[in-house]
PDB file of all heavy atoms in Angstrom:
ATOM      1  N   ALA A   1      -1.221   6.644  -3.183  1.00  0.00           N
ATOM      2  CA  ALA A   1      -0.805   7.879  -2.516  1.00  0.00           C
ATOM      3  C   ALA A   1      -0.843   7.727  -1.001  1.00  0.00           C
ATOM      4  O   ALA A   1       0.031   8.251  -0.294  1.00  0.00           O
ATOM      5  CB  ALA A   1      -1.704   9.036  -2.942  1.00  0.00           C
ATOM      6  N   LEU A   2      -1.836   6.982  -0.486  1.00  0.00           N
ATOM      7  CA  LEU A   2      -1.983   6.855   0.958  1.00  0.00           C
ATOM      8  C   LEU A   2      -0.933   5.930   1.572  1.00  0.00           C
ATOM      9  O   LEU A   2      -0.507   6.144   2.701  1.00  0.00           O
ATOM     10  CB  LEU A   2      -3.394   6.374   1.296  1.00  0.00           C
ATOM     11  CG  LEU A   2      -4.511   7.378   0.971  1.00  0.00           C
ATOM     12  CD1 LEU A   2      -5.880   6.764   1.247  1.00  0.00           C
ATOM     13  CD2 LEU A   2      -4.337   8.669   1.759  1.00  0.00           C
ATOM     14  N   VAL A   3      -0.510   4.897   0.844  1.00  0.00           N
ATOM     15  CA  VAL A   3       0.517   4.019   1.411  1.00  0.00           C
ATOM     16  C   VAL A   3       1.913   4.607   1.253  1.00  0.00           C
ATOM     17  O   VAL A   3       2.859   4.140   1.887  1.00  0.00           O
ATOM     18  CB  VAL A   3       0.465   2.590   0.813  1.00  0.00           C
ATOM     19  CG1 VAL A   3      -0.893   1.962   1.015  1.00  0.00           C
ATOM     20  CG2 VAL A   3       0.856   2.588  -0.655  1.00  0.00           C
ATOM     21  N   THR A   4       2.037   5.634   0.436  1.00  0.00           N
ATOM     22  CA  THR A   4       3.348   6.268   0.289  1.00  0.00           C
ATOM     23  C   THR A   4       3.467   7.548   1.111  1.00  0.00           C
ATOM     24  O   THR A   4       4.575   7.985   1.422  1.00  0.00           O
ATOM     25  CB  THR A   4       3.645   6.604  -1.189  1.00  0.00           C
ATOM     26  OG1 THR A   4       2.569   7.388  -1.728  1.00  0.00           O
ATOM     27  CG2 THR A   4       3.787   5.328  -1.995  1.00  0.00           C
ATOM     28  N   LYS A   5       2.314   8.135   1.507  1.00  0.00           N
ATOM     29  CA  LYS A   5       2.374   9.404   2.240  1.00  0.00           C
ATOM     30  C   LYS A   5       1.614   9.387   3.565  1.00  0.00           C
ATOM     31  O   LYS A   5       1.915  10.169   4.456  1.00  0.00           O
ATOM     32  CB  LYS A   5       1.807  10.523   1.357  1.00  0.00           C
ATOM     33  CG  LYS A   5       2.593  10.759   0.084  1.00  0.00           C
ATOM     34  CD  LYS A   5       1.956  11.856  -0.758  1.00  0.00           C
ATOM     35  CE  LYS A   5       2.729  12.071  -2.054  1.00  0.00           C
ATOM     36  NZ  LYS A   5       2.100  13.114  -2.909  1.00  0.00           N
ATOM     37  N   SER A   6       0.595   8.545   3.696  1.00  0.00           N
ATOM     38  CA  SER A   6      -0.234   8.477   4.910  1.00  0.00           C
ATOM     39  C   SER A   6      -0.964   9.784   5.197  1.00  0.00           C
ATOM     40  O   SER A   6      -1.435  10.006   6.303  1.00  0.00           O
ATOM     41  CB  SER A   6       0.587   8.083   6.148  1.00  0.00           C
ATOM     42  OG  SER A   6       0.805   6.688   6.174  1.00  0.00           O
ATOM     43  N   GLU A   7      -1.073  10.657   4.217  1.00  0.00           N
ATOM     44  CA  GLU A   7      -1.746  11.935   4.439  1.00  0.00           C
ATOM     45  C   GLU A   7      -3.256  11.727   4.561  1.00  0.00           C
ATOM     46  O   GLU A   7      -3.857  10.952   3.819  1.00  0.00           O
ATOM     47  CB  GLU A   7      -1.432  12.897   3.287  1.00  0.00           C
ATOM     48  CG  GLU A   7       0.034  13.307   3.239  1.00  0.00           C
ATOM     49  CD  GLU A   7       0.342  14.221   2.072  1.00  0.00           C
ATOM     50  OE1 GLU A   7      -0.579  14.463   1.263  1.00  0.00           O
ATOM     51  OE2 GLU A   7       1.497  14.671   1.956  1.00  0.00           O
ATOM     52  N   GLY A   8      -3.871  12.436   5.496  1.00  0.00           N
ATOM     53  CA  GLY A   8      -5.319  12.370   5.655  1.00  0.00           C
ATOM     54  C   GLY A   8      -5.803  11.151   6.404  1.00  0.00           C
ATOM     55  O   GLY A   8      -7.012  10.919   6.482  1.00  0.00           O
ATOM     56  N   LEU A   9      -4.905  10.372   6.979  1.00  0.00           N
ATOM     57  CA  LEU A   9      -5.304   9.159   7.703  1.00  0.00           C
ATOM     58  C   LEU A   9      -5.324   9.475   9.195  1.00  0.00           C
ATOM     59  O   LEU A   9      -4.307   9.398   9.868  1.00  0.00           O
ATOM     60  CB  LEU A   9      -4.345   8.009   7.394  1.00  0.00           C
ATOM     61  CG  LEU A   9      -4.238   7.610   5.921  1.00  0.00           C
ATOM     62  CD1 LEU A   9      -3.338   6.389   5.760  1.00  0.00           C
ATOM     63  CD2 LEU A   9      -5.602   7.318   5.328  1.00  0.00           C
ATOM     64  N   GLU A  10      -6.499   9.812   9.673  1.00  0.00           N
ATOM     65  CA  GLU A  10      -6.641  10.235  11.069  1.00  0.00           C
ATOM     66  C   GLU A  10      -7.207   9.140  11.959  1.00  0.00           C
ATOM     67  O   GLU A  10      -7.327   9.329  13.162  1.00  0.00           O
ATOM     68  CB  GLU A  10      -7.542  11.476  11.135  1.00  0.00           C
ATOM     69  CG  GLU A  10      -7.052  12.650  10.304  1.00  0.00           C
ATOM     70  CD  GLU A  10      -5.666  13.123  10.700  1.00  0.00           C
ATOM     71  OE1 GLU A  10      -5.318  12.988  11.895  1.00  0.00           O
ATOM     72  OE2 GLU A  10      -4.926  13.609   9.812  1.00  0.00           O
ATOM     73  N   ARG A  11      -7.595   7.994  11.364  1.00  0.00           N
ATOM     74  CA  ARG A  11      -8.224   6.928  12.152  1.00  0.00           C
ATOM     75  C   ARG A  11      -7.435   5.627  11.990  1.00  0.00           C
ATOM     76  O   ARG A  11      -7.973   4.598  11.596  1.00  0.00           O
ATOM     77  CB  ARG A  11      -9.682   6.738  11.726  1.00  0.00           C
ATOM     78  CG  ARG A  11     -10.554   7.980  11.901  1.00  0.00           C
ATOM     79  CD  ARG A  11     -11.988   7.691  11.503  1.00  0.00           C
ATOM     80  NE  ARG A  11     -12.091   7.323  10.097  1.00  0.00           N
ATOM     81  CZ  ARG A  11     -13.177   6.808   9.532  1.00  0.00           C
ATOM     82  NH1 ARG A  11     -14.251   6.575  10.271  1.00  0.00           N
ATOM     83  NH2 ARG A  11     -13.192   6.516   8.245  1.00  0.00           N
ATOM     84  N   SER A  12      -6.166   5.676  12.305  1.00  0.00           N
ATOM     85  CA  SER A  12      -5.303   4.520  12.117  1.00  0.00           C
ATOM     86  C   SER A  12      -5.738   3.341  12.994  1.00  0.00           C
ATOM     87  O   SER A  12      -5.991   3.507  14.189  1.00  0.00           O
ATOM     88  CB  SER A  12      -3.853   4.884  12.446  1.00  0.00           C
ATOM     89  OG  SER A  12      -3.009   3.762  12.333  1.00  0.00           O
ATOM     90  N   VAL A  13      -5.805   2.161  12.386  1.00  0.00           N
ATOM     91  CA  VAL A  13      -6.112   0.944  13.143  1.00  0.00           C
ATOM     92  C   VAL A  13      -5.028  -0.124  12.964  1.00  0.00           C
ATOM     93  O   VAL A  13      -5.089  -1.191  13.574  1.00  0.00           O
ATOM     94  CB  VAL A  13      -7.485   0.355  12.753  1.00  0.00           C
ATOM     95  CG1 VAL A  13      -8.609   1.238  13.288  1.00  0.00           C
ATOM     96  CG2 VAL A  13      -7.607   0.175  11.240  1.00  0.00           C
ATOM     97  N   ALA A  14      -4.030   0.159  12.134  1.00  0.00           N
ATOM     98  CA  ALA A  14      -2.891  -0.747  11.920  1.00  0.00           C
ATOM     99  C   ALA A  14      -1.886  -0.010  11.053  1.00  0.00           C
ATOM    100  O   ALA A  14      -2.168   1.072  10.535  1.00  0.00           O
ATOM    101  CB  ALA A  14      -3.333  -2.049  11.257  1.00  0.00           C
ATOM    102  N   MET A  15      -0.721  -0.630  10.895  1.00  0.00           N
ATOM    103  CA  MET A  15       0.308  -0.049  10.044  1.00  0.00           C
ATOM    104  C   MET A  15       0.827  -1.070   9.049  1.00  0.00           C
ATOM    105  O   MET A  15       0.818  -2.286   9.310  1.00  0.00           O
ATOM    106  CB  MET A  15       1.473   0.471  10.889  1.00  0.00           C
ATOM    107  CG  MET A  15       1.101   1.583  11.860  1.00  0.00           C
ATOM    108  SD  MET A  15       2.568   2.374  12.557  1.00  0.00           S
ATOM    109  CE  MET A  15       3.132   3.317  11.135  1.00  0.00           C
ATOM    110  N   GLY A  16       1.265  -0.576   7.909  1.00  0.00           N
ATOM    111  CA  GLY A  16       1.915  -1.404   6.908  1.00  0.00           C
ATOM    112  C   GLY A  16       3.297  -0.862   6.610  1.00  0.00           C
ATOM    113  O   GLY A  16       3.585   0.298   6.896  1.00  0.00           O
ATOM    114  N   ALA A  17       4.157  -1.696   6.019  1.00  0.00           N
ATOM    115  CA  ALA A  17       5.513  -1.240   5.710  1.00  0.00           C
ATOM    116  C   ALA A  17       6.118  -1.955   4.509  1.00  0.00           C
ATOM    117  O   ALA A  17       7.176  -1.552   4.025  1.00  0.00           O
ATOM    118  CB  ALA A  17       6.426  -1.433   6.932  1.00  0.00           C
ATOM    119  N   TYR A  18       5.487  -3.011   4.030  1.00  0.00           N
ATOM    120  CA  TYR A  18       6.053  -3.769   2.916  1.00  0.00           C
ATOM    121  C   TYR A  18       5.879  -2.981   1.619  1.00  0.00           C
ATOM    122  O   TYR A  18       4.968  -2.165   1.477  1.00  0.00           O
ATOM    123  CB  TYR A  18       5.366  -5.125   2.803  1.00  0.00           C
ATOM    124  CG  TYR A  18       6.168  -6.150   2.041  1.00  0.00           C
ATOM    125  CD1 TYR A  18       7.309  -6.713   2.602  1.00  0.00           C
ATOM    126  CD2 TYR A  18       5.790  -6.564   0.766  1.00  0.00           C
ATOM    127  CE1 TYR A  18       8.056  -7.660   1.917  1.00  0.00           C
ATOM    128  CE2 TYR A  18       6.526  -7.510   0.068  1.00  0.00           C
ATOM    129  CZ  TYR A  18       7.660  -8.049   0.643  1.00  0.00           C
ATOM    130  OH  TYR A  18       8.395  -8.980  -0.038  1.00  0.00           O
ATOM    131  N   GLY A  19       6.737  -3.232   0.672  1.00  0.00           N
ATOM    132  CA  GLY A  19       6.642  -2.552  -0.611  1.00  0.00           C
ATOM    133  C   GLY A  19       5.358  -2.884  -1.348  1.00  0.00           C
ATOM    134  O   GLY A  19       4.686  -3.867  -1.051  1.00  0.00           O
ATOM    135  N   MET A  20       5.002  -2.044  -2.301  1.00  0.00           N
ATOM    136  CA  MET A  20       3.843  -2.328  -3.158  1.00  0.00           C
ATOM    137  C   MET A  20       4.233  -3.472  -4.080  1.00  0.00           C
ATOM    138  O   MET A  20       5.073  -3.307  -4.966  1.00  0.00           O
ATOM    139  CB  MET A  20       3.438  -1.061  -3.922  1.00  0.00           C
ATOM    140  CG  MET A  20       2.832  -0.007  -3.015  1.00  0.00           C
ATOM    141  SD  MET A  20       2.471   1.553  -3.860  1.00  0.00           S
ATOM    142  CE  MET A  20       4.145   2.222  -4.013  1.00  0.00           C
ATOM    143  N   ASP A  21       3.619  -4.612  -3.876  1.00  0.00           N
ATOM    144  CA  ASP A  21       4.086  -5.874  -4.456  1.00  0.00           C
ATOM    145  C   ASP A  21       2.948  -6.582  -5.171  1.00  0.00           C
ATOM    146  O   ASP A  21       2.005  -7.050  -4.541  1.00  0.00           O
ATOM    147  CB  ASP A  21       4.648  -6.756  -3.329  1.00  0.00           C
ATOM    148  CG  ASP A  21       5.110  -8.124  -3.833  1.00  0.00           C
ATOM    149  OD1 ASP A  21       5.418  -8.240  -5.021  1.00  0.00           O
ATOM    150  OD2 ASP A  21       5.144  -9.066  -3.019  1.00  0.00           O
ATOM    151  N   SER A  22       3.038  -6.631  -6.468  1.00  0.00           N
ATOM    152  CA  SER A  22       2.094  -7.431  -7.251  1.00  0.00           C
ATOM    153  C   SER A  22       2.881  -8.456  -8.041  1.00  0.00           C
ATOM    154  O   SER A  22       3.829  -8.107  -8.758  1.00  0.00           O
ATOM    155  CB  SER A  22       1.288  -6.557  -8.215  1.00  0.00           C
ATOM    156  OG  SER A  22       0.513  -7.363  -9.089  1.00  0.00           O
ATOM    157  N   HIS A  23       2.503  -9.705  -7.911  1.00  0.00           N
ATOM    158  CA  HIS A  23       3.094 -10.730  -8.782  1.00  0.00           C
ATOM    159  C   HIS A  23       2.526 -10.579 -10.189  1.00  0.00           C
ATOM    160  O   HIS A  23       1.529  -9.892 -10.415  1.00  0.00           O
ATOM    161  CB  HIS A  23       2.800 -12.119  -8.227  1.00  0.00           C
ATOM    162  CG  HIS A  23       3.675 -12.486  -7.073  1.00  0.00           C
ATOM    163  ND1 HIS A  23       4.383 -13.663  -7.006  1.00  0.00           N
ATOM    164  CD2 HIS A  23       3.972 -11.823  -5.928  1.00  0.00           C
ATOM    165  CE1 HIS A  23       5.066 -13.716  -5.884  1.00  0.00           C
ATOM    166  NE2 HIS A  23       4.834 -12.602  -5.207  1.00  0.00           N
ATOM    167  N   ASN A  24       3.182 -11.217 -11.133  1.00  0.00           N
ATOM    168  CA  ASN A  24       2.681 -11.187 -12.500  1.00  0.00           C
ATOM    169  C   ASN A  24       1.257 -11.724 -12.559  1.00  0.00           C
ATOM    170  O   ASN A  24       0.861 -12.566 -11.738  1.00  0.00           O
ATOM    171  CB  ASN A  24       3.581 -12.016 -13.414  1.00  0.00           C
ATOM    172  CG  ASN A  24       4.882 -11.300 -13.755  1.00  0.00           C
ATOM    173  OD1 ASN A  24       4.869 -10.178 -14.248  1.00  0.00           O
ATOM    174  ND2 ASN A  24       6.016 -11.936 -13.479  1.00  0.00           N
ATOM    175  N   VAL A  25       0.503 -11.236 -13.532  1.00  0.00           N
ATOM    176  CA  VAL A  25      -0.878 -11.702 -13.684  1.00  0.00           C
ATOM    177  C   VAL A  25      -1.094 -12.498 -14.962  1.00  0.00           C
ATOM    178  O   VAL A  25      -2.099 -13.189 -15.101  1.00  0.00           O
ATOM    179  CB  VAL A  25      -1.876 -10.522 -13.637  1.00  0.00           C
ATOM    180  CG1 VAL A  25      -1.728  -9.724 -12.362  1.00  0.00           C
ATOM    181  CG2 VAL A  25      -1.744  -9.617 -14.847  1.00  0.00           C
ATOM    182  N   GLN A  26      -0.164 -12.402 -15.921  1.00  0.00           N
ATOM    183  CA  GLN A  26      -0.378 -13.105 -17.181  1.00  0.00           C
ATOM    184  C   GLN A  26       0.926 -13.241 -17.955  1.00  0.00           C
ATOM    185  O   GLN A  26       1.923 -12.583 -17.663  1.00  0.00           O
ATOM    186  CB  GLN A  26      -1.381 -12.336 -18.051  1.00  0.00           C
ATOM    187  CG  GLN A  26      -0.884 -10.960 -18.465  1.00  0.00           C
ATOM    188  CD  GLN A  26      -1.738 -10.305 -19.532  1.00  0.00           C
ATOM    189  OE1 GLN A  26      -2.311 -10.975 -20.401  1.00  0.00           O
ATOM    190  NE2 GLN A  26      -1.840  -8.983 -19.483  1.00  0.00           N
ATOM    191  N   ARG A  27       0.879 -14.119 -18.969  1.00  0.00           N
ATOM    192  CA  ARG A  27       1.916 -14.192 -20.003  1.00  0.00           C
ATOM    193  C   ARG A  27       1.264 -13.831 -21.331  1.00  0.00           C
ATOM    194  O   ARG A  27       0.119 -14.219 -21.597  1.00  0.00           O
ATOM    195  CB  ARG A  27       2.538 -15.583 -20.086  1.00  0.00           C
ATOM    196  CG  ARG A  27       3.400 -15.923 -18.890  1.00  0.00           C
ATOM    197  CD  ARG A  27       4.286 -17.139 -19.124  1.00  0.00           C
ATOM    198  NE  ARG A  27       5.178 -17.286 -17.991  1.00  0.00           N
ATOM    199  CZ  ARG A  27       5.001 -18.152 -16.995  1.00  0.00           C
ATOM    200  NH1 ARG A  27       3.967 -18.980 -17.018  1.00  0.00           N
ATOM    201  NH2 ARG A  27       5.839 -18.196 -15.990  1.00  0.00           N
ATOM    202  N   HIS A  28       2.004 -13.105 -22.161  1.00  0.00           N
ATOM    203  CA  HIS A  28       1.434 -12.682 -23.442  1.00  0.00           C
ATOM    204  C   HIS A  28       2.554 -12.568 -24.470  1.00  0.00           C
ATOM    205  O   HIS A  28       3.747 -12.592 -24.125  1.00  0.00           O
ATOM    206  CB  HIS A  28       0.714 -11.336 -23.289  1.00  0.00           C
ATOM    207  CG  HIS A  28       1.635 -10.189 -23.002  1.00  0.00           C
ATOM    208  ND1 HIS A  28       2.074  -9.309 -23.974  1.00  0.00           N
ATOM    209  CD2 HIS A  28       2.214  -9.765 -21.843  1.00  0.00           C
ATOM    210  CE1 HIS A  28       2.872  -8.410 -23.431  1.00  0.00           C
ATOM    211  NE2 HIS A  28       2.981  -8.662 -22.136  1.00  0.00           N
TER     212      HIS A  28
END
């Protein structure tokens, strides 16, 4: 929620912009 809305973040020390990215973790 915070990386998509930034709501409630009053103490910013950096910014992000890349998509939420997880590589695969397993084969099944």
